[in-house]
Every structure is written in C-alpha cells, then in structure tokens.
N, C-alpha and C. Protein backbone atom coordinates (compact mmCIF):
# COMPACT_ATOMS: atom_id res chain seq x y z
N MET A 1 10.13 21.46 2.70
CA MET A 1 9.33 20.38 2.65
C MET A 1 9.13 19.29 1.52
N LYS A 2 9.05 18.07 1.44
CA LYS A 2 8.68 18.03 0.00
C LYS A 2 7.91 17.04 -0.03
N LYS A 3 6.65 17.14 -0.76
CA LYS A 3 5.36 16.56 -0.98
C LYS A 3 5.50 15.29 -2.06
N LEU A 4 5.14 14.28 -1.31
CA LEU A 4 5.19 13.39 -2.36
C LEU A 4 3.69 12.32 -2.41
N HIS A 5 3.37 11.55 -3.50
CA HIS A 5 2.01 11.30 -4.14
C HIS A 5 2.18 9.71 -3.99
N VAL A 6 2.10 9.20 -2.69
CA VAL A 6 2.36 7.76 -3.35
C VAL A 6 1.36 6.79 -3.65
N PRO A 7 0.90 5.56 -3.82
CA PRO A 7 0.15 4.85 -4.55
C PRO A 7 -0.32 4.01 -3.61
N ILE A 8 -1.64 3.81 -3.25
CA ILE A 8 -1.70 3.01 -2.01
C ILE A 8 -2.81 2.07 -2.90
N ILE A 9 -2.44 0.70 -2.10
CA ILE A 9 -3.85 -0.77 -2.64
C ILE A 9 -3.99 -0.75 -0.82
N ILE A 10 -5.92 -1.00 -1.68
CA ILE A 10 -6.41 -1.72 -0.18
C ILE A 10 -7.31 -2.75 -0.59
N GLU A 11 -6.92 -3.93 -0.03
CA GLU A 11 -7.69 -5.43 0.01
C GLU A 11 -8.72 -5.46 1.19
N THR A 12 -9.80 -6.24 1.38
CA THR A 12 -9.97 -6.85 2.44
C THR A 12 -9.09 -8.60 2.50
N ASP A 13 -9.10 -8.21 3.92
CA ASP A 13 -9.36 -9.92 4.03
C ASP A 13 -10.50 -10.72 4.12
N GLU A 14 -10.03 -11.98 5.24
CA GLU A 14 -11.43 -12.67 5.09
C GLU A 14 -11.51 -12.42 6.15
N ASP A 15 -11.49 -12.19 7.03
CA ASP A 15 -11.96 -11.23 8.61
C ASP A 15 -12.80 -10.13 8.12
N GLY A 16 -13.24 -9.77 6.74
CA GLY A 16 -13.22 -8.25 6.39
C GLY A 16 -12.59 -6.89 7.03
N CYS A 17 -11.50 -7.30 7.45
CA CYS A 17 -10.12 -6.08 7.20
C CYS A 17 -10.31 -5.34 6.24
N PHE A 18 -9.09 -4.65 6.38
CA PHE A 18 -9.21 -3.58 5.58
C PHE A 18 -7.20 -3.58 5.11
N ILE A 19 -6.43 -4.04 4.68
CA ILE A 19 -5.43 -4.74 4.06
C ILE A 19 -4.92 -3.01 3.23
N ALA A 20 -3.79 -2.23 4.16
CA ALA A 20 -3.22 -1.49 2.73
C ALA A 20 -2.25 -1.68 2.93
N SER A 21 -1.13 -1.97 1.42
CA SER A 21 -0.36 -1.43 1.18
C SER A 21 0.25 -0.27 0.38
N CYS A 22 1.39 0.47 0.45
CA CYS A 22 2.43 0.82 -0.43
C CYS A 22 3.41 0.20 -1.30
N PRO A 23 3.09 0.33 -2.46
CA PRO A 23 4.33 -0.50 -3.66
C PRO A 23 5.46 0.07 -3.67
N LEU A 24 5.72 0.87 -2.59
CA LEU A 24 7.01 1.87 -3.41
C LEU A 24 8.03 1.13 -2.42
N PHE A 25 7.04 0.90 -1.05
CA PHE A 25 8.75 0.49 -0.25
C PHE A 25 8.09 -1.10 -0.39
N LYS A 26 9.28 -2.00 0.05
CA LYS A 26 9.43 -3.50 0.32
C LYS A 26 8.56 -3.73 1.66
N GLY A 27 7.83 -4.56 2.02
CA GLY A 27 7.34 -4.86 3.29
C GLY A 27 5.97 -3.90 4.34
N CYS A 28 5.50 -2.67 3.43
CA CYS A 28 4.79 -1.57 3.29
C CYS A 28 3.24 -2.08 3.65
N HIS A 29 3.08 -2.43 4.43
CA HIS A 29 1.71 -2.96 4.27
C HIS A 29 1.50 -3.02 6.49
N THR A 30 -0.09 -2.39 6.18
CA THR A 30 -1.14 -2.63 7.58
C THR A 30 -2.10 -2.78 7.47
N PHE A 31 -2.80 -3.13 8.25
CA PHE A 31 -4.27 -2.75 8.52
C PHE A 31 -5.58 -2.20 9.17
N GLY A 32 -6.52 -2.60 9.22
CA GLY A 32 -7.61 -1.66 9.89
C GLY A 32 -8.84 -1.95 9.99
N ARG A 33 -9.77 -1.48 10.60
CA ARG A 33 -10.88 -2.18 10.98
C ARG A 33 -12.22 -1.42 9.48
N THR A 34 -11.56 -0.46 9.50
CA THR A 34 -11.97 0.64 8.38
C THR A 34 -11.40 1.18 7.52
N ILE A 35 -11.64 1.46 6.18
CA ILE A 35 -10.95 2.07 5.42
C ILE A 35 -10.01 2.85 5.95
N ASP A 36 -10.69 4.39 6.85
CA ASP A 36 -9.60 5.07 7.46
C ASP A 36 -9.03 5.00 8.12
N GLU A 37 -9.32 3.84 8.75
CA GLU A 37 -8.25 3.57 10.42
C GLU A 37 -6.89 2.41 9.52
N ALA A 38 -7.40 2.10 8.22
CA ALA A 38 -5.81 1.59 7.63
C ALA A 38 -5.64 2.53 7.24
N LEU A 39 -6.09 3.52 6.23
CA LEU A 39 -5.22 4.72 5.58
C LEU A 39 -4.44 5.62 7.11
N GLU A 40 -4.57 5.48 8.18
CA GLU A 40 -4.04 5.88 9.40
C GLU A 40 -3.18 5.62 9.26
N LYS A 41 -3.16 4.03 9.57
CA LYS A 41 -1.82 3.41 10.04
C LYS A 41 -0.50 3.47 9.02
N ILE A 42 -1.57 3.33 7.81
CA ILE A 42 -0.10 3.42 6.54
C ILE A 42 -0.17 4.55 6.08
N ARG A 43 0.01 6.04 6.58
CA ARG A 43 0.34 6.84 6.38
C ARG A 43 1.60 6.96 7.73
N GLU A 44 1.64 6.06 8.85
CA GLU A 44 2.45 6.16 9.46
C GLU A 44 3.30 5.27 9.12
N VAL A 45 2.78 3.92 8.38
CA VAL A 45 4.33 2.90 8.03
C VAL A 45 5.01 3.27 7.04
N ILE A 46 4.19 4.30 6.63
CA ILE A 46 5.04 4.86 5.53
C ILE A 46 6.28 6.03 5.47
N GLY A 47 5.72 6.92 6.50
CA GLY A 47 6.62 7.64 7.45
C GLY A 47 8.11 6.96 8.25
N ILE A 48 7.59 5.97 8.72
CA ILE A 48 8.39 4.86 9.11
C ILE A 48 9.72 4.54 7.81
N CYS A 49 9.27 4.20 7.29
CA CYS A 49 10.08 3.48 5.93
C CYS A 49 10.66 5.43 5.46
N LEU A 50 9.75 5.79 5.49
CA LEU A 50 10.72 6.82 4.64
C LEU A 50 12.13 7.51 5.23
N GLU A 51 12.08 6.76 6.90
CA GLU A 51 13.40 7.90 7.37
C GLU A 51 14.62 6.87 7.31
N GLU A 52 14.00 5.50 6.84
CA GLU A 52 15.06 4.72 6.54
C GLU A 52 15.70 4.54 4.85
N THR A 53 14.70 5.08 4.41
CA THR A 53 15.08 4.95 2.66
C THR A 53 14.86 6.26 1.88
N ASP A 54 15.91 6.71 1.31
CA ASP A 54 16.22 7.83 0.13
C ASP A 54 15.19 7.08 -0.83
N THR A 55 14.87 8.35 -0.97
CA THR A 55 14.04 8.84 -2.03
C THR A 55 14.00 8.17 -3.87
N GLY A 56 15.29 8.35 -3.35
CA GLY A 56 15.88 8.78 -4.76
C GLY A 56 15.87 6.60 -5.31
N GLU A 57 15.58 6.01 -4.29
CA GLU A 57 15.80 4.88 -4.42
C GLU A 57 14.89 4.08 -4.09
N LEU A 58 13.05 4.52 -3.69
CA LEU A 58 12.31 3.67 -4.25
C LEU A 58 11.85 3.05 -5.34
N ASN A 59 11.23 2.16 -5.13
CA ASN A 59 10.27 1.11 -5.95
C ASN A 59 10.05 2.25 -7.00
N THR A 60 9.29 2.12 -8.31
CA THR A 60 8.63 2.85 -9.20
C THR A 60 6.86 1.79 -9.64
N PHE A 61 6.45 2.60 -8.95
CA PHE A 61 5.14 2.01 -9.18
C PHE A 61 4.70 3.19 -10.50
N VAL A 62 4.53 1.23 -11.24
CA VAL A 62 4.27 1.57 -13.03
C VAL A 62 2.22 1.84 -13.08
N GLY A 63 1.57 0.90 -12.48
CA GLY A 63 0.62 1.42 -12.84
C GLY A 63 -0.52 -0.15 -12.46
N PHE A 64 -1.78 -0.26 -12.11
CA PHE A 64 -2.55 -0.55 -11.64
C PHE A 64 -3.38 -1.34 -13.39
N ARG A 65 -3.42 -3.29 -13.03
CA ARG A 65 -3.81 -3.64 -14.41
C ARG A 65 -4.85 -4.46 -13.73
N GLU A 66 -6.23 -5.13 -14.91
CA GLU A 66 -6.93 -5.98 -14.24
C GLU A 66 -6.23 -7.33 -15.22
N LEU A 67 -6.61 -8.37 -15.11
CA LEU A 67 -6.29 -9.63 -15.90
C LEU A 67 -7.56 -10.57 -15.98
N GLU A 68 -8.36 -10.69 -17.03
CA GLU A 68 -9.80 -11.49 -17.14
C GLU A 68 -8.66 -13.49 -16.51
N ILE A 69 -9.02 -13.71 -16.20
CA ILE A 69 -8.49 -15.28 -15.47
C ILE A 69 -9.90 -15.98 -15.96
N ILE A 70 -9.49 -17.19 -17.24
CA ILE A 70 -10.85 -18.18 -16.95
C ILE A 70 -10.25 -19.33 -16.18
N GLN A 71 -11.25 -19.92 -15.04
CA GLN A 71 -11.56 -21.11 -14.36
C GLN A 71 -11.59 -22.02 -14.11
N GLU A 72 -11.32 -23.41 -14.89
CA GLU A 72 -12.36 -24.62 -15.25
C GLU A 72 -13.32 -24.89 -13.82
N ALA A 73 -13.91 -25.69 -14.32
CA ALA A 73 -15.33 -25.71 -13.20
C ALA A 73 -14.45 -26.98 -12.34
C-alpha cells in the first residue's frame, strides 16, 4: 500500500459552506457545512480520482502564494 500526501485547499462560499479542492486532480472539488465534513468528502472524491488516474500522471502542485492587489475605488 502506497501513502500519498496531497495538498488540499479550503475556501468558503457566499453561503458559508466550506469548499475543498485537491489541485493534483482536475475537477477534484466538493463541499461541506463544516471543515471536517468537507475534508471527509474530499477524501472520498480523491479516492474516486485515484481509481481513474495513474499516480504518475498527477498534476504537480508547486505551492501556494499570496499576491497583493491594489483595487482602485
């Protein structure tokens, strides 16, 4: 059994739901009312993605950066 460590991005939407995404897979997104629920669901979605994807074909996650944008009033 091979262990994978995958990056997860968690955001909130306008309704307060937590959106979980895994950038290693195209279209790998889900949501939950709590962070724990979103993480549980993204684990399931990643499992489905792994059934359909060879681990050698995964996207390469480079990292997270934050940019400062100045917005004119």
